[in-house]
Amino acid sequence: MYREDVAYELVKSRLDRGGMDIPDAQHSYWMGCIRAAAASLESNGIVLTDSAADSSLVADMAVWNIQSRDKPGGMPDWLRLRRRERWIQQREVSTDDSE
């Protein structure tokens, strides 16, 4: 399983808040966004691991959700493709295991 604490630190960095004290309400909101991003990935069949790539993907999805909350439009192509590539990687691993 990926590590929420790593994803949280990445979110703070991406939002230019690294090294700062974060108010409890904002911390709770960001953690909720991280958990929602992880749940979204897992609902698409991606099993998150304790890897830098998975923590980064969760953080990127959470930051996109935070920053696009009031903006029209869907997920940007770079993030949608990154999620797809991770899903394909998951399929390749499970196909290799079944042989």
Protein backbone atom coordinates (compact mmCIF):
# COMPACT_ATOMS: atom_id res chain seq x y z
CA MET A 1 0.00 0.00 0.00
CA TYR A 2 1.21 3.48 -0.76
CA ARG A 3 2.05 5.80 2.13
CA GLU A 4 -0.36 8.64 2.80
CA ASP A 5 2.30 10.59 4.68
CA VAL A 6 4.54 10.65 1.59
CA ALA A 7 1.62 11.68 -0.63
CA TYR A 8 0.73 14.43 1.87
CA GLU A 9 4.26 15.86 1.81
CA LEU A 10 4.18 15.81 -2.00
CA VAL A 11 0.83 17.64 -1.98
CA LYS A 12 2.28 20.28 0.35
CA SER A 13 5.26 20.73 -1.97
CA ARG A 14 3.13 20.91 -5.11
CA LEU A 15 0.96 23.58 -3.46
CA ASP A 16 4.08 25.53 -2.34
CA ARG A 17 3.38 24.88 1.34
CA GLY A 18 6.34 22.63 2.13
CA GLY A 19 7.96 23.37 5.47
CA MET A 20 4.99 25.40 6.65
CA ASP A 21 2.57 24.70 9.47
CA ILE A 22 -0.76 23.78 7.94
CA PRO A 23 -4.00 24.59 9.82
CA ASP A 24 -5.88 21.50 11.01
CA ALA A 25 -8.88 22.15 8.76
CA GLN A 26 -6.69 22.43 5.67
CA HIS A 27 -4.72 19.33 6.67
CA SER A 28 -7.98 17.39 7.03
CA TYR A 29 -9.23 18.64 3.65
CA TRP A 30 -5.99 17.70 1.88
CA MET A 31 -5.94 14.26 3.51
CA GLY A 32 -9.52 13.76 2.35
CA CYS A 33 -8.48 14.66 -1.20
CA ILE A 34 -5.55 12.22 -0.98
CA ARG A 35 -7.83 9.44 0.24
CA ALA A 36 -10.37 10.21 -2.49
CA ALA A 37 -7.65 10.10 -5.16
CA ALA A 38 -6.38 6.76 -3.85
CA ALA A 39 -9.93 5.37 -3.74
CA SER A 40 -10.54 6.54 -7.30
CA LEU A 41 -7.40 4.78 -8.52
CA GLU A 42 -8.24 1.62 -6.61
CA SER A 43 -11.81 1.61 -7.97
CA ASN A 44 -10.25 1.53 -11.43
CA GLY A 45 -8.34 -1.63 -10.54
CA ILE A 46 -5.02 -0.11 -9.58
CA VAL A 47 -3.43 -1.67 -6.52
CA LEU A 48 -1.28 1.06 -4.99
CA THR A 49 2.16 0.09 -3.74
CA ASP A 50 4.71 1.70 -1.45
CA SER A 51 6.55 3.27 -4.39
CA ALA A 52 7.53 6.81 -5.23
CA ALA A 53 5.59 6.56 -8.50
CA ASP A 54 2.32 5.60 -6.79
CA SER A 55 2.67 8.23 -4.06
CA SER A 56 3.38 10.81 -6.76
CA LEU A 57 0.36 9.72 -8.82
CA VAL A 58 -1.94 9.95 -5.79
CA ALA A 59 -0.53 13.37 -4.90
CA ASP A 60 -0.88 14.65 -8.48
CA MET A 61 -4.50 13.54 -8.62
CA ALA A 62 -5.22 15.11 -5.23
CA VAL A 63 -3.58 18.42 -6.23
CA TRP A 64 -5.50 18.46 -9.50
CA ASN A 65 -8.74 17.98 -7.55
CA ILE A 66 -7.80 20.73 -5.09
CA GLN A 67 -6.80 23.22 -7.78
CA SER A 68 -9.63 22.48 -10.24
CA ARG A 69 -12.44 22.40 -7.70
CA ASP A 70 -14.24 25.42 -9.19
CA LYS A 71 -12.99 25.16 -12.77
CA PRO A 72 -14.86 23.65 -15.72
CA GLY A 73 -13.35 20.82 -17.72
CA GLY A 74 -12.11 17.34 -17.13
CA MET A 75 -8.88 15.76 -16.06
CA PRO A 76 -5.88 17.05 -18.03
CA ASP A 77 -4.47 14.71 -20.66
CA TRP A 78 -1.10 14.31 -18.93
CA LEU A 79 -2.80 13.04 -15.75
CA ARG A 80 -5.36 10.92 -17.55
CA LEU A 81 -2.60 9.25 -19.59
CA ARG A 82 -0.45 8.74 -16.52
CA ARG A 83 -3.34 7.02 -14.74
CA ARG A 84 -3.94 4.86 -17.85
CA GLU A 85 -0.27 3.87 -18.07
CA ARG A 86 -0.34 2.83 -14.41
CA TRP A 87 -3.48 0.78 -15.05
CA ILE A 88 -1.81 -0.93 -18.03
CA GLN A 89 1.23 -1.67 -15.89
CA GLN A 90 -1.06 -3.28 -13.30
CA ARG A 91 -2.63 -5.47 -16.02
CA GLU A 92 0.79 -6.55 -17.32
CA VAL A 93 1.92 -7.59 -13.84
CA SER A 94 -1.23 -9.61 -13.19
CA THR A 95 -0.96 -11.26 -16.63
CA ASP A 96 2.67 -12.22 -15.92
CA ASP A 97 1.68 -13.69 -12.56
CA SER A 98 -1.01 -15.90 -14.05
CA GLU A 99 1.37 -17.70 -16.43
